[in-house]
Every structure is written in structure tokens, then in C-alpha cells.
Amino acid sequence: MLDIINYGYDPTLEPIPEGIEVARVAAVYKERYELICRYGLIYGRLKSSVYYDKNEEFPTTGDFVWIQYNPSGDSVIIKTLERKSFFSRLDPIPGKGMQAVAANFDYVFILTSLNRDFNLKRLERYLALSWQSGGIPVILLTKSDLIEDPSEYVKQVEKTAKNVLVHTISVKTGYGLQDLSEYLKPRKTVVLLGSSGVGKSSLINALAGSEIMKVNEIREDDARGRHTTTKRQLIPLSCGAMIIDTPGMRSVGMQDTEQGLGEAFSDVEEYFGKCRFKDCKHSKEPGCAIKAALQNGELSLERWNSYLQLKRESEYSEDPFEYLKKKKEKFKTIAKINKEKYKGRIE
């Protein structure tokens, strides 16, 4: 029999009731879940009276759950256990709300390839979401074999990603893969994030030592890939670590990421609280620390604008109605001020 502790389960979470088994979600289908428990790989379905009537948190890949084990059919999932980390994003389908991606991981491998798909703006989004999730972000610059000297890319990323380790790797040549062993320890879980074509499937195959994931070639005209992974799945490695693969996400929406933004933009938020006025809007107020940093070059305008954009998206996704209300009131105030100025001129 399998020991669920080897799959990252913490036995100190809470006592297990008699007749209940602990399982980890390996993959999520429409109404069915692939689970790992001490009896091996099984399947389960949610108990409707618990998840639909009592609003229990729906499980996602990586979650630990309580099940009523059924040796002759689908087991019944009755509870989602407390998470130590959780990653979600805005559903790409409008009106769908948040989409669960993964849970209970230790590290977030953010993959970006060293070709025309290299995008620092997208990387900023991944970093904010990763810090918010509770996992530790690690940046992997993939396909280093495509360029002669990746050092310039590394400098750009390190400037953007403060206090985050950056690794340059190539699955094709094997360069840098040995450096990942420090994260891939027994009982540790890593979630992979990145756009289609950055090499997630190739990396999994390399780490697993076998072709367990289908790999699609990238398009030559724009260096972008097609979606290879269509579901989120937990993949055990021979070293005892686990990887959660995710579908490629070219468009990354923001949810409420106040803490994540603070970590990803620590170089920006270090100026907060240093302004002359506590309610400084960092616009036209005298003694503004942000304005001073922009003027003397300590803070780049591009970095500040990125922060403001992601901050607005985060506030909007948290409460769209309140955000739009505040925005409307702001424009009303501006219009009123302009009207009074114009009135004073013609008088």
C-alpha cells in the first residue's frame, strides 16, 4: 500500500475520523476526480449534500481530501482539507469568476522562453500571483540553446524579479537542469506556470526521464506554441517530488493580490509611507516620495506604470462594482474642478 505522507500530506493537520481515508487530487475532470490514496490510483466524485448544499471548497489538483473509499467503484469525496498554498486566476471565460489552478505546492516554477515570446510584463503578473499563492516563485529561462549569451536576459529578469532566484536552462542540451535538484526533494510539490510553447512538457519529460507528456512544436512565425496540456495534473517523479502541470496561460488575469503585489513590487512599495502626506495620491502632492524617485531615476516610470496597472486590475477583480463606483466618483470630482476653473475664467 502507498503511504500518503510520501505525497506531501501533513498528518498533524487534523484527526482522521474512523472509516475515512485521505487522498490527494491528481487530476480534475468535469465531474470526476483522479485521486491518490493508500490503495493506489482511484477515482472519486463529490458528495453533493456537502459541496453544493453546505458550500464546501471545491477541490483542485494538489488538494488533500477526505474520502469514503469504495473498492468497487468511485469513492465519495466529503471534505477539502486546509491548504498551505493555492493558486487561482480569473477564468478566461467572461462572467465565470475565479478558476482554481493548483493547491498545496512548495515552489512555483515560472517558465519563460528565450525567444520572441520573452515578455517581462507577463512575468510581473506571474510573480504577483505566485507570491500571493503562498508558494515560493523560481524563474526558469528556458531554451537557452537558442541564443549565444543569455546574460542580458538574466539581468532584465533579475531587475524585474527582486529576491527571486533565476535559472537558465535548456532541455535540449541538459544545461542547468542539475540546478533544479535543490527544489525537487521528496514530498515537495512544484507547480509549473507559463505560456504555451515555453517548454513545460519538455521539462517534465526531462525530469521524469521518459516521454510522459506530449510535446508540440512552436510556430515559426511568432515563436508561440499550441496548448499541449489540457488539464491540471499531479505527476510524481522518481526522486520523490511531484509536479503539477497546468495548461498554457497566455493571458493572466489578476484577482485580489495585495500581498503578492507587495512582494513582486517591493522596490515600488518601499517608497510608500515616506511621502509628506499620509493620504498622498502620488500625483500632484508636494513632498511625494514616488514623484521624487521617478525624477531622480531611482524608480523607472515603466515600473511604476506596471504597478498601477496591476493594482487597478486587482481592485477591479476583487469588487468590480465598488471599483467602477470609485472610478465614476473620481471623474465626477475632476469634472467639477474643471467646471469651476472654467467658470472662474469667464467671469
Protein backbone atom coordinates (compact mmCIF):
# COMPACT_ATOMS: atom_id res chain seq x y z
CA MET A 1 0.00 0.00 0.00
CA LEU A 2 1.04 3.60 -0.61
CA ASP A 3 1.87 6.00 2.19
CA ILE A 4 0.02 9.27 1.57
CA ILE A 5 2.68 11.08 3.65
CA ASN A 6 5.11 10.46 0.78
CA TYR A 7 2.76 12.55 -1.38
CA GLY A 8 3.16 15.60 0.86
CA TYR A 9 0.38 15.00 3.38
CA ASP A 10 0.89 16.51 6.82
CA PRO A 11 -0.55 14.07 9.41
CA THR A 12 -0.78 16.85 12.02
CA LEU A 13 -3.48 18.74 10.07
CA GLU A 14 -6.43 17.21 11.93
CA PRO A 15 -7.52 13.80 13.25
CA ILE A 16 -8.95 11.47 10.61
CA PRO A 17 -12.40 10.09 11.50
CA GLU A 18 -12.85 6.35 11.61
CA GLY A 19 -13.74 4.86 8.25
CA ILE A 20 -12.32 7.83 6.33
CA GLU A 21 -9.28 7.79 4.02
CA VAL A 22 -7.03 10.70 3.00
CA ALA A 23 -6.40 11.14 -0.73
CA ARG A 24 -4.64 13.69 -2.90
CA VAL A 25 -6.25 15.05 -6.06
CA ALA A 26 -4.12 14.09 -9.06
CA ALA A 27 -6.37 15.48 -11.80
CA VAL A 28 -9.75 17.15 -12.17
CA TYR A 29 -12.25 16.25 -14.87
CA LYS A 30 -15.73 17.68 -15.38
CA GLU A 31 -17.48 15.84 -12.52
CA ARG A 32 -14.88 13.22 -11.65
CA TYR A 33 -11.59 13.35 -9.77
CA GLU A 34 -8.46 11.26 -10.15
CA LEU A 35 -7.15 10.53 -6.65
CA ILE A 36 -4.09 9.00 -5.00
CA CYS A 37 -4.65 7.21 -1.69
CA ARG A 38 -3.08 4.29 0.14
CA TYR A 39 -4.88 1.90 -2.22
CA GLY A 40 -3.24 3.48 -5.26
CA LEU A 41 -4.80 5.49 -8.10
CA ILE A 42 -8.59 5.67 -7.81
CA TYR A 43 -11.47 7.89 -8.90
CA GLY A 44 -14.00 9.85 -6.89
CA ARG A 45 -17.00 12.16 -7.06
CA LEU A 46 -18.14 14.96 -4.78
CA LYS A 47 -20.79 14.36 -2.15
CA SER A 48 -23.49 16.75 -3.34
CA SER A 49 -25.03 17.40 0.07
CA VAL A 50 -21.64 18.64 1.33
CA TYR A 51 -20.22 20.54 -1.65
CA TYR A 52 -23.36 22.02 -3.14
CA ASP A 53 -25.63 22.44 -0.13
CA LYS A 54 -23.03 23.36 2.52
CA ASN A 55 -20.65 25.28 0.21
CA GLU A 56 -17.55 23.20 0.92
CA GLU A 57 -14.48 24.42 -1.02
CA PHE A 58 -14.34 22.55 -4.34
CA PRO A 59 -11.10 20.55 -4.63
CA THR A 60 -8.50 21.21 -7.28
CA THR A 61 -5.30 19.46 -8.34
CA GLY A 62 -2.95 19.06 -5.39
CA ASP A 63 -5.67 19.24 -2.74
CA PHE A 64 -5.86 16.71 0.08
CA VAL A 65 -9.38 15.42 0.69
CA TRP A 66 -11.28 13.05 2.92
CA ILE A 67 -12.98 10.23 1.08
CA GLN A 68 -15.32 7.34 1.78
CA TYR A 69 -13.35 4.66 -0.04
CA ASN A 70 -15.24 2.39 -2.45
CA PRO A 71 -13.18 -0.60 -3.67
CA SER A 72 -15.67 -1.45 -6.42
CA GLY A 73 -16.42 1.99 -7.89
CA ASP A 74 -15.97 5.73 -7.47
CA SER A 75 -15.19 6.84 -3.93
CA VAL A 76 -17.07 9.74 -2.35
CA ILE A 77 -15.21 12.99 -1.58
CA ILE A 78 -16.63 14.53 1.60
CA LYS A 79 -14.18 17.29 2.60
CA THR A 80 -11.38 19.50 1.23
CA LEU A 81 -8.59 19.85 3.80
CA GLU A 82 -6.87 23.11 4.71
CA ARG A 83 -4.44 24.34 2.05
CA LYS A 84 -0.93 25.63 2.66
CA SER A 85 -0.84 27.29 -0.75
CA PHE A 86 -3.34 27.92 -3.50
CA PHE A 87 -3.13 29.32 -7.00
CA SER A 88 -6.11 30.69 -8.91
CA ARG A 89 -6.71 33.07 -11.79
CA LEU A 90 -9.59 34.88 -13.42
CA ASP A 91 -11.42 32.47 -15.69
CA PRO A 92 -10.74 33.38 -19.35
CA ILE A 93 -14.49 32.98 -19.97
CA PRO A 94 -16.18 36.30 -19.02
CA GLY A 95 -18.52 36.07 -16.05
CA LYS A 96 -17.13 32.77 -14.76
CA GLY A 97 -15.26 34.32 -11.83
CA MET A 98 -12.18 32.65 -10.38
CA GLN A 99 -10.66 29.44 -11.75
CA ALA A 100 -8.76 27.14 -9.37
CA VAL A 101 -5.40 26.02 -10.76
CA ALA A 102 -3.44 24.15 -8.07
CA ALA A 103 -3.05 23.69 -4.31
CA ASN A 104 -0.52 22.58 -1.69
CA PHE A 105 2.68 23.27 -3.59
CA ASP A 106 6.03 24.43 -2.23
CA TYR A 107 7.52 26.14 -5.28
CA VAL A 108 6.16 27.90 -8.37
CA PHE A 109 8.37 27.39 -11.42
CA ILE A 110 7.66 30.34 -13.72
CA LEU A 111 8.83 29.41 -17.21
CA THR A 112 9.58 31.95 -19.90
CA SER A 113 11.47 31.07 -23.05
CA LEU A 114 14.41 32.94 -24.53
CA ASN A 115 12.80 33.59 -27.90
CA ARG A 116 10.33 36.14 -29.25
CA ASP A 117 7.82 35.12 -26.58
CA PHE A 118 10.01 36.65 -23.83
CA ASN A 119 7.75 39.14 -22.02
CA LEU A 120 8.62 40.99 -18.80
CA LYS A 121 5.10 42.39 -18.38
CA ARG A 122 3.66 38.89 -18.29
CA LEU A 123 6.41 37.85 -15.90
CA GLU A 124 5.36 40.62 -13.48
CA ARG A 125 1.85 39.19 -13.45
CA TYR A 126 3.07 35.66 -12.78
CA LEU A 127 5.24 36.92 -9.94
CA ALA A 128 2.40 38.79 -8.22
CA LEU A 129 0.10 35.77 -8.49
CA SER A 130 2.84 33.41 -7.33
CA TRP A 131 3.71 35.41 -4.23
CA GLN A 132 0.01 35.69 -3.41
CA SER A 133 -0.43 31.91 -3.69
CA GLY A 134 1.81 31.08 -0.74
CA GLY A 135 4.39 29.23 -2.83
CA ILE A 136 7.97 30.35 -3.47
CA PRO A 137 8.49 31.59 -7.06
CA VAL A 138 11.51 30.43 -9.05
CA ILE A 139 12.09 31.73 -12.59
CA LEU A 140 13.30 29.36 -15.31
CA LEU A 141 14.55 30.91 -18.56
CA THR A 142 14.06 28.03 -20.97
CA LYS A 143 15.53 27.24 -24.39
CA SER A 144 18.89 28.85 -23.62
CA ASP A 145 20.32 26.90 -26.57
CA LEU A 146 18.54 29.33 -28.91
CA ILE A 147 20.82 32.24 -28.06
CA GLU A 148 24.56 32.67 -27.73
CA ASP A 149 24.63 34.68 -24.49
CA PRO A 150 21.56 34.74 -22.17
CA SER A 151 23.22 37.05 -19.62
CA GLU A 152 21.37 40.15 -20.85
CA TYR A 153 18.02 38.38 -20.40
CA VAL A 154 19.05 37.30 -16.91
CA LYS A 155 19.89 40.91 -15.99
CA GLN A 156 16.49 42.12 -17.19
CA VAL A 157 14.66 39.44 -15.23
CA GLU A 158 16.68 39.97 -12.04
CA LYS A 159 15.91 43.68 -12.24
CA THR A 160 12.20 42.90 -12.51
CA ALA A 161 12.06 39.98 -10.08
CA LYS A 162 13.52 41.18 -6.80
CA ASN A 163 14.60 38.45 -4.35
CA VAL A 164 13.71 35.64 -6.77
CA LEU A 165 16.19 33.03 -7.96
CA VAL A 166 16.64 32.84 -11.74
CA HIS A 167 17.90 29.75 -13.59
CA THR A 168 18.81 29.47 -17.25
CA ILE A 169 18.09 26.00 -18.64
CA SER A 170 17.93 24.03 -21.86
CA VAL A 171 16.09 20.73 -22.05
CA LYS A 172 17.69 20.10 -25.43
CA THR A 173 21.27 20.23 -24.12
CA GLY A 174 20.56 19.49 -20.45
CA TYR A 175 22.16 22.76 -19.39
CA GLY A 176 21.06 23.98 -15.95
CA LEU A 177 18.74 21.06 -15.17
CA GLN A 178 21.03 19.83 -12.38
CA ASP A 179 20.42 23.11 -10.54
CA LEU A 180 16.73 22.22 -10.11
CA SER A 181 17.50 19.26 -7.84
CA GLU A 182 17.61 21.59 -4.82
CA TYR A 183 13.85 22.13 -5.22
CA LEU A 184 12.87 18.59 -6.27
CA LYS A 185 13.14 16.90 -2.90
CA PRO A 186 10.96 14.01 -1.62
CA ARG A 187 7.43 15.11 -0.60
CA LYS A 188 7.90 18.53 -2.21
CA THR A 189 5.50 19.78 -4.88
CA VAL A 190 6.26 22.20 -7.71
CA VAL A 191 3.65 23.87 -9.91
CA LEU A 192 4.65 24.94 -13.43
CA LEU A 193 3.35 28.19 -14.90
CA GLY A 194 3.99 29.60 -18.31
CA SER A 195 2.57 30.32 -21.75
CA SER A 196 2.11 27.69 -24.41
CA GLY A 197 5.38 26.79 -26.07
CA VAL A 198 7.75 27.73 -23.21
CA GLY A 199 8.72 24.08 -22.71
CA LYS A 200 6.72 22.85 -19.70
CA SER A 201 6.00 19.43 -21.21
CA SER A 202 9.60 19.04 -22.39
CA LEU A 203 10.86 19.92 -18.93
CA ILE A 204 8.57 17.35 -17.28
CA ASN A 205 9.77 14.67 -19.69
CA ALA A 206 13.39 15.55 -18.94
CA LEU A 207 12.88 15.48 -15.17
CA ALA A 208 10.85 12.26 -15.34
CA GLY A 209 13.36 10.58 -17.63
CA SER A 210 10.64 9.40 -20.02
CA GLU A 211 8.20 10.74 -22.61
CA ILE A 212 5.15 11.04 -20.39
CA MET A 213 3.94 14.33 -21.87
CA LYS A 214 3.13 15.12 -25.48
CA VAL A 215 5.27 17.93 -26.90
CA ASN A 216 4.09 20.30 -29.65
CA GLU A 217 6.43 22.33 -31.82
CA ILE A 218 6.21 26.13 -31.62
CA ARG A 219 5.09 28.15 -34.63
CA GLU A 220 7.97 29.65 -36.57
CA ASP A 221 6.17 32.89 -37.47
CA ASP A 222 5.63 34.15 -33.91
CA ALA A 223 7.56 31.68 -31.69
CA ARG A 224 4.34 30.75 -29.90
CA GLY A 225 3.16 27.28 -29.06
CA ARG A 226 -0.11 25.41 -29.07
CA HIS A 227 -1.71 24.14 -25.88
CA THR A 228 -0.30 20.69 -25.12
CA THR A 229 -1.62 20.31 -21.58
CA THR A 230 -5.43 20.42 -21.44
CA LYS A 231 -5.90 19.64 -17.75
CA ARG A 232 -4.11 20.28 -14.48
CA GLN A 233 -2.45 17.10 -13.23
CA LEU A 234 -0.13 15.94 -10.46
CA ILE A 235 2.89 14.00 -11.74
CA PRO A 236 5.08 12.04 -9.28
CA LEU A 237 8.81 11.91 -10.12
CA SER A 238 11.21 9.09 -9.25
CA CYS A 239 13.10 11.43 -6.89
CA GLY A 240 10.02 11.62 -4.66
CA ALA A 241 9.00 15.15 -5.69
CA MET A 242 5.79 15.97 -7.55
CA ILE A 243 4.99 18.38 -10.36
CA ILE A 244 1.64 19.98 -11.09
CA ASP A 245 1.43 20.81 -14.77
CA THR A 246 -1.01 23.47 -15.93
CA PRO A 247 -2.44 24.43 -19.33
CA GLY A 248 -0.50 27.23 -21.01
CA MET A 249 -1.82 30.64 -19.98
CA ARG A 250 -1.00 33.45 -22.37
CA SER A 251 -3.47 35.84 -20.77
CA VAL A 252 -3.13 36.01 -17.00
CA GLY A 253 -5.95 37.79 -15.15
CA MET A 254 -5.47 39.31 -11.72
CA GLN A 255 -7.50 38.61 -8.61
CA ASP A 256 -7.09 40.29 -5.23
CA THR A 257 -3.29 40.18 -4.97
CA GLU A 258 -2.46 42.88 -2.45
CA GLN A 259 0.19 40.79 -0.70
CA GLY A 260 1.52 39.37 -3.97
CA LEU A 261 1.92 42.83 -5.47
CA GLY A 262 3.77 43.94 -2.36
CA GLU A 263 6.29 41.11 -2.82
CA ALA A 264 6.59 41.40 -6.61
CA PHE A 265 6.92 45.21 -6.46
CA SER A 266 8.82 45.62 -3.20
CA ASP A 267 11.06 48.15 -4.95
CA VAL A 268 7.97 50.30 -5.58
CA GLU A 269 6.20 49.91 -2.24
CA GLU A 270 9.35 50.77 -0.27
CA TYR A 271 8.53 54.44 -1.03
CA PHE A 272 5.04 54.19 0.46
CA GLY A 273 4.79 55.88 3.82
CA LYS A 274 7.68 58.23 3.02
CA CYS A 275 5.53 60.98 1.49
CA ARG A 276 4.87 64.24 3.32
CA PHE A 277 1.14 63.48 3.50
CA LYS A 278 -0.26 60.15 4.70
CA ASP A 279 -3.08 60.23 2.11
CA CYS A 280 -0.74 61.11 -0.77
CA LYS A 281 -2.16 60.05 -4.16
CA HIS A 282 1.31 60.22 -5.77
CA SER A 283 0.02 62.66 -8.34
CA LYS A 284 0.49 66.41 -7.75
CA GLU A 285 1.01 66.49 -3.99
CA PRO A 286 4.19 68.19 -2.70
CA GLY A 287 6.70 66.03 -0.88
CA CYS A 288 5.70 62.85 -2.72
CA ALA A 289 8.37 60.15 -2.37
CA ILE A 290 7.21 58.36 -5.53
CA LYS A 291 7.47 61.54 -7.62
CA ALA A 292 10.93 62.21 -6.23
CA ALA A 293 12.09 58.67 -7.01
CA LEU A 294 10.77 58.98 -10.57
CA GLN A 295 12.51 62.31 -11.07
CA ASN A 296 15.91 61.21 -9.77
CA GLY A 297 15.82 57.89 -11.62
CA GLU A 298 15.63 55.61 -8.56
CA LEU A 299 12.31 54.29 -9.85
CA SER A 300 11.52 53.89 -13.54
CA LEU A 301 8.26 55.24 -14.95
CA GLU A 302 7.68 51.91 -16.71
CA ARG A 303 7.93 50.03 -13.41
CA TRP A 304 5.56 52.47 -11.68
CA ASN A 305 3.00 52.23 -14.50
CA SER A 306 3.16 48.42 -14.36
CA TYR A 307 2.42 48.51 -10.65
CA LEU A 308 -0.53 50.87 -11.13
CA GLN A 309 -2.00 48.76 -13.92
CA LEU A 310 -1.84 45.51 -11.94
CA LYS A 311 -3.14 47.29 -8.84
CA ARG A 312 -6.18 48.50 -10.78
CA GLU A 313 -6.83 45.04 -12.18
CA SER A 314 -6.57 43.52 -8.72
CA GLU A 315 -9.02 46.02 -7.22
CA TYR A 316 -11.44 45.53 -10.10
CA SER A 317 -11.48 41.73 -9.81
CA GLU A 318 -11.94 41.93 -6.03
CA ASP A 319 -15.08 44.08 -6.29
CA PRO A 320 -15.95 45.30 -9.82
CA PHE A 321 -18.97 47.33 -8.70
CA GLU A 322 -17.11 49.18 -5.95
CA TYR A 323 -14.15 49.81 -8.30
CA LEU A 324 -16.40 51.27 -11.02
CA LYS A 325 -18.25 53.34 -8.41
CA LYS A 326 -14.99 54.88 -7.16
CA LYS A 327 -13.84 55.47 -10.73
CA LYS A 328 -17.11 57.26 -11.56
CA GLU A 329 -16.84 59.41 -8.43
CA LYS A 330 -13.24 60.28 -9.33
CA PHE A 331 -14.21 61.51 -12.79
CA LYS A 332 -17.14 63.43 -11.30
CA THR A 333 -14.76 65.25 -8.95
CA ILE A 334 -12.36 66.04 -11.81
CA ALA A 335 -15.24 67.35 -13.94
CA LYS A 336 -16.47 69.52 -11.08
CA ILE A 337 -13.00 71.03 -10.52
CA ASN A 338 -12.56 71.72 -14.24
CA LYS A 339 -16.01 73.30 -14.40
CA GLU A 340 -15.22 75.65 -11.53
CA LYS A 341 -11.88 76.59 -13.14
CA TYR A 342 -13.58 77.31 -16.44
CA LYS A 343 -16.32 79.31 -14.70
CA GLY A 344 -13.71 81.44 -12.94
CA ARG A 345 -12.05 82.29 -16.25
CA ILE A 346 -15.17 83.51 -18.00
CA GLU A 347 -16.25 85.58 -15.02
